[in-house]
Amino acid sequence: MNTKLVDLLVFPESMTYKIIGTPKINFINQVIEVAQYHVPGDYSPTVLYSSRKKYCSISITIIVKNIHEVERLYNDLSKIKNVRMVF
């Protein structure tokens, strides 16, 4: 099966991005800033910390208008210094 992501989505689409990284200074704010830059809105991310607080997981739901926004958000979130994984 050769189905592409763009073929599965109907835009506008609500997508939840999960970002895992080390909780350094302004980490959560940097994630929100990237989201605001691409898709301005009022975001309330869910933040969870590992048991030793070495890592944190940020879930943020964003309404994207096209596949280009999906890709740009993924790429720019991945570029944040302390990010270890985006999905």
N, C-alpha and C. Protein backbone atom coordinates (compact mmCIF):
# COMPACT_ATOMS: atom_id res chain seq x y z
N MET A 1 0.85 -1.18 0.00
CA MET A 1 0.00 0.00 0.00
C MET A 1 0.89 1.24 0.00
N ASN A 2 0.64 2.17 -0.89
CA ASN A 2 1.45 3.37 -1.03
C ASN A 2 0.66 4.63 -0.66
N THR A 3 -0.08 4.60 0.41
CA THR A 3 -0.88 5.73 0.84
C THR A 3 0.01 6.77 1.49
N LYS A 4 -0.16 8.03 1.09
CA LYS A 4 0.61 9.13 1.66
C LYS A 4 -0.22 9.81 2.75
N LEU A 5 0.46 10.47 3.67
CA LEU A 5 -0.20 11.18 4.76
C LEU A 5 -1.21 12.18 4.22
N VAL A 6 -0.85 12.91 3.20
CA VAL A 6 -1.74 13.93 2.65
C VAL A 6 -3.06 13.31 2.15
N ASP A 7 -3.02 12.06 1.72
CA ASP A 7 -4.23 11.39 1.24
C ASP A 7 -5.16 10.98 2.37
N LEU A 8 -4.64 10.88 3.58
CA LEU A 8 -5.44 10.45 4.73
C LEU A 8 -6.09 11.60 5.49
N LEU A 9 -5.61 12.81 5.28
CA LEU A 9 -6.08 13.96 6.05
C LEU A 9 -7.09 14.79 5.27
N VAL A 10 -8.03 15.37 6.00
CA VAL A 10 -9.00 16.31 5.43
C VAL A 10 -8.77 17.63 6.16
N PHE A 11 -8.39 18.65 5.42
CA PHE A 11 -8.05 19.94 6.02
C PHE A 11 -9.23 20.88 6.02
N PRO A 12 -9.35 21.74 7.06
CA PRO A 12 -8.47 21.87 8.23
C PRO A 12 -8.60 20.64 9.13
N GLU A 13 -7.50 20.30 9.77
CA GLU A 13 -7.39 19.10 10.59
C GLU A 13 -6.80 19.44 11.95
N SER A 14 -7.39 18.90 13.00
CA SER A 14 -6.85 19.07 14.34
C SER A 14 -5.79 17.99 14.56
N MET A 15 -4.57 18.41 14.83
CA MET A 15 -3.47 17.47 15.03
C MET A 15 -2.81 17.73 16.38
N THR A 16 -2.51 16.65 17.07
CA THR A 16 -1.79 16.78 18.33
C THR A 16 -0.34 16.39 18.10
N TYR A 17 0.54 17.31 18.41
CA TYR A 17 1.98 17.08 18.32
C TYR A 17 2.46 16.75 19.72
N LYS A 18 3.30 15.75 19.83
CA LYS A 18 3.90 15.40 21.11
C LYS A 18 5.39 15.62 20.97
N ILE A 19 5.92 16.44 21.87
CA ILE A 19 7.33 16.80 21.84
C ILE A 19 7.97 16.31 23.14
N ILE A 20 9.03 15.56 23.02
CA ILE A 20 9.74 15.06 24.19
C ILE A 20 11.14 15.67 24.20
N GLY A 21 11.53 16.16 25.36
CA GLY A 21 12.83 16.79 25.47
C GLY A 21 13.26 16.96 26.90
N THR A 22 14.40 17.62 27.06
CA THR A 22 14.90 17.90 28.40
C THR A 22 14.32 19.24 28.85
N PRO A 23 13.76 19.28 30.04
CA PRO A 23 13.06 20.48 30.50
C PRO A 23 14.00 21.60 30.95
N LYS A 24 14.70 22.18 30.02
CA LYS A 24 15.59 23.30 30.32
C LYS A 24 14.78 24.60 30.31
N ILE A 25 15.43 25.70 30.62
CA ILE A 25 14.78 27.01 30.70
C ILE A 25 14.06 27.32 29.39
N ASN A 26 12.83 27.73 29.49
CA ASN A 26 11.99 28.16 28.37
C ASN A 26 11.63 27.07 27.36
N PHE A 27 11.84 25.81 27.68
CA PHE A 27 11.54 24.73 26.74
C PHE A 27 10.07 24.75 26.32
N ILE A 28 9.19 24.83 27.29
CA ILE A 28 7.75 24.85 26.99
C ILE A 28 7.39 26.10 26.20
N ASN A 29 7.94 27.24 26.59
CA ASN A 29 7.66 28.48 25.87
C ASN A 29 8.15 28.43 24.42
N GLN A 30 9.29 27.78 24.19
CA GLN A 30 9.81 27.66 22.83
C GLN A 30 8.87 26.84 21.95
N VAL A 31 8.31 25.78 22.50
CA VAL A 31 7.35 24.96 21.76
C VAL A 31 6.13 25.79 21.39
N ILE A 32 5.61 26.54 22.35
CA ILE A 32 4.43 27.39 22.10
C ILE A 32 4.76 28.48 21.08
N GLU A 33 5.94 29.06 21.16
CA GLU A 33 6.34 30.11 20.20
C GLU A 33 6.38 29.58 18.77
N VAL A 34 6.90 28.38 18.59
CA VAL A 34 6.93 27.78 17.24
C VAL A 34 5.51 27.55 16.74
N ALA A 35 4.65 27.03 17.59
CA ALA A 35 3.25 26.82 17.20
C ALA A 35 2.59 28.14 16.85
N GLN A 36 2.79 29.16 17.68
CA GLN A 36 2.21 30.49 17.44
C GLN A 36 2.71 31.10 16.14
N TYR A 37 3.97 30.87 15.83
CA TYR A 37 4.55 31.43 14.62
C TYR A 37 3.86 30.87 13.37
N HIS A 38 3.62 29.58 13.37
CA HIS A 38 3.02 28.94 12.20
C HIS A 38 1.50 29.04 12.17
N VAL A 39 0.87 28.83 13.32
CA VAL A 39 -0.59 28.84 13.41
C VAL A 39 -0.98 29.59 14.68
N PRO A 40 -1.16 30.92 14.58
CA PRO A 40 -1.51 31.70 15.77
C PRO A 40 -2.79 31.16 16.42
N GLY A 41 -2.76 31.09 17.74
CA GLY A 41 -3.92 30.60 18.48
C GLY A 41 -3.64 30.63 19.96
N ASP A 42 -4.63 30.22 20.72
CA ASP A 42 -4.53 30.17 22.18
C ASP A 42 -4.25 28.72 22.57
N TYR A 43 -3.02 28.39 22.88
CA TYR A 43 -2.63 27.02 23.14
C TYR A 43 -2.46 26.75 24.62
N SER A 44 -2.97 25.60 25.03
CA SER A 44 -2.82 25.12 26.41
C SER A 44 -2.21 23.73 26.36
N PRO A 45 -0.90 23.64 26.30
CA PRO A 45 -0.27 22.33 26.18
C PRO A 45 -0.39 21.52 27.46
N THR A 46 -0.37 20.21 27.31
CA THR A 46 -0.32 19.30 28.44
C THR A 46 1.14 18.93 28.64
N VAL A 47 1.62 19.09 29.86
CA VAL A 47 3.03 18.83 30.15
C VAL A 47 3.13 17.74 31.22
N LEU A 48 3.91 16.71 30.91
CA LEU A 48 4.16 15.62 31.85
C LEU A 48 5.67 15.46 32.02
N TYR A 49 6.09 15.17 33.23
CA TYR A 49 7.52 14.99 33.51
C TYR A 49 7.81 13.53 33.84
N SER A 50 9.02 13.09 33.49
CA SER A 50 9.45 11.75 33.87
C SER A 50 9.62 11.71 35.38
N SER A 51 9.72 10.52 35.94
CA SER A 51 9.78 10.38 37.40
C SER A 51 10.96 11.13 38.02
N ARG A 52 12.06 11.22 37.31
CA ARG A 52 13.22 11.94 37.83
C ARG A 52 13.35 13.34 37.24
N LYS A 53 12.35 13.74 36.47
CA LYS A 53 12.29 15.06 35.83
C LYS A 53 13.46 15.31 34.88
N LYS A 54 13.99 14.24 34.33
CA LYS A 54 15.07 14.37 33.35
C LYS A 54 14.50 14.73 31.98
N TYR A 55 13.26 14.29 31.72
CA TYR A 55 12.59 14.56 30.44
C TYR A 55 11.18 15.08 30.71
N CYS A 56 10.67 15.80 29.73
CA CYS A 56 9.26 16.19 29.80
C CYS A 56 8.62 15.97 28.44
N SER A 57 7.33 15.74 28.49
CA SER A 57 6.54 15.50 27.29
C SER A 57 5.51 16.62 27.19
N ILE A 58 5.48 17.28 26.05
CA ILE A 58 4.53 18.36 25.82
C ILE A 58 3.61 17.93 24.69
N SER A 59 2.31 17.92 24.95
CA SER A 59 1.31 17.63 23.92
C SER A 59 0.57 18.92 23.61
N ILE A 60 0.51 19.26 22.34
CA ILE A 60 -0.14 20.50 21.94
C ILE A 60 -0.98 20.22 20.69
N THR A 61 -2.25 20.62 20.75
CA THR A 61 -3.17 20.38 19.65
C THR A 61 -3.28 21.64 18.81
N ILE A 62 -3.08 21.47 17.50
CA ILE A 62 -3.04 22.59 16.57
C ILE A 62 -3.95 22.27 15.39
N ILE A 63 -4.72 23.24 14.95
CA ILE A 63 -5.55 23.06 13.76
C ILE A 63 -4.76 23.54 12.56
N VAL A 64 -4.37 22.59 11.71
CA VAL A 64 -3.56 22.91 10.54
C VAL A 64 -4.46 22.99 9.31
N LYS A 65 -4.06 23.86 8.37
CA LYS A 65 -4.87 24.11 7.18
C LYS A 65 -4.42 23.31 5.96
N ASN A 66 -3.16 22.85 5.97
CA ASN A 66 -2.66 22.10 4.82
C ASN A 66 -1.44 21.28 5.23
N ILE A 67 -1.02 20.41 4.33
CA ILE A 67 0.10 19.51 4.62
C ILE A 67 1.40 20.28 4.83
N HIS A 68 1.52 21.45 4.22
CA HIS A 68 2.74 22.24 4.38
C HIS A 68 2.89 22.73 5.82
N GLU A 69 1.78 23.10 6.45
CA GLU A 69 1.84 23.51 7.86
C GLU A 69 2.26 22.33 8.73
N VAL A 70 1.74 21.14 8.43
CA VAL A 70 2.10 19.94 9.19
C VAL A 70 3.61 19.73 9.12
N GLU A 71 4.16 19.79 7.93
CA GLU A 71 5.59 19.55 7.73
C GLU A 71 6.45 20.64 8.35
N ARG A 72 6.05 21.91 8.17
CA ARG A 72 6.84 23.01 8.74
C ARG A 72 6.85 22.96 10.26
N LEU A 73 5.69 22.68 10.86
CA LEU A 73 5.63 22.57 12.32
C LEU A 73 6.52 21.44 12.81
N TYR A 74 6.42 20.29 12.18
CA TYR A 74 7.25 19.15 12.58
C TYR A 74 8.74 19.51 12.48
N ASN A 75 9.14 20.09 11.38
CA ASN A 75 10.55 20.45 11.18
C ASN A 75 11.03 21.49 12.18
N ASP A 76 10.24 22.54 12.38
CA ASP A 76 10.67 23.61 13.30
C ASP A 76 10.65 23.16 14.76
N LEU A 77 9.68 22.32 15.14
CA LEU A 77 9.67 21.79 16.50
C LEU A 77 10.90 20.90 16.72
N SER A 78 11.29 20.16 15.70
CA SER A 78 12.46 19.29 15.81
C SER A 78 13.76 20.08 15.98
N LYS A 79 13.78 21.32 15.53
CA LYS A 79 14.99 22.15 15.59
C LYS A 79 15.23 22.80 16.95
N ILE A 80 14.24 22.76 17.84
CA ILE A 80 14.41 23.34 19.18
C ILE A 80 15.52 22.57 19.88
N LYS A 81 16.42 23.32 20.50
CA LYS A 81 17.67 22.76 21.05
C LYS A 81 17.48 21.51 21.92
N ASN A 82 16.57 21.52 22.86
CA ASN A 82 16.45 20.42 23.82
C ASN A 82 15.46 19.34 23.40
N VAL A 83 14.93 19.40 22.21
CA VAL A 83 13.98 18.41 21.74
C VAL A 83 14.71 17.12 21.40
N ARG A 84 14.16 16.01 21.86
CA ARG A 84 14.72 14.69 21.55
C ARG A 84 13.85 13.95 20.52
N MET A 85 12.53 14.24 20.51
CA MET A 85 11.63 13.53 19.61
C MET A 85 10.35 14.33 19.40
N VAL A 86 9.84 14.30 18.17
CA VAL A 86 8.54 14.93 17.85
C VAL A 86 7.72 13.90 17.12
N PHE A 87 6.49 13.70 17.57
CA PHE A 87 5.58 12.83 16.84
C PHE A 87 4.16 13.25 17.06
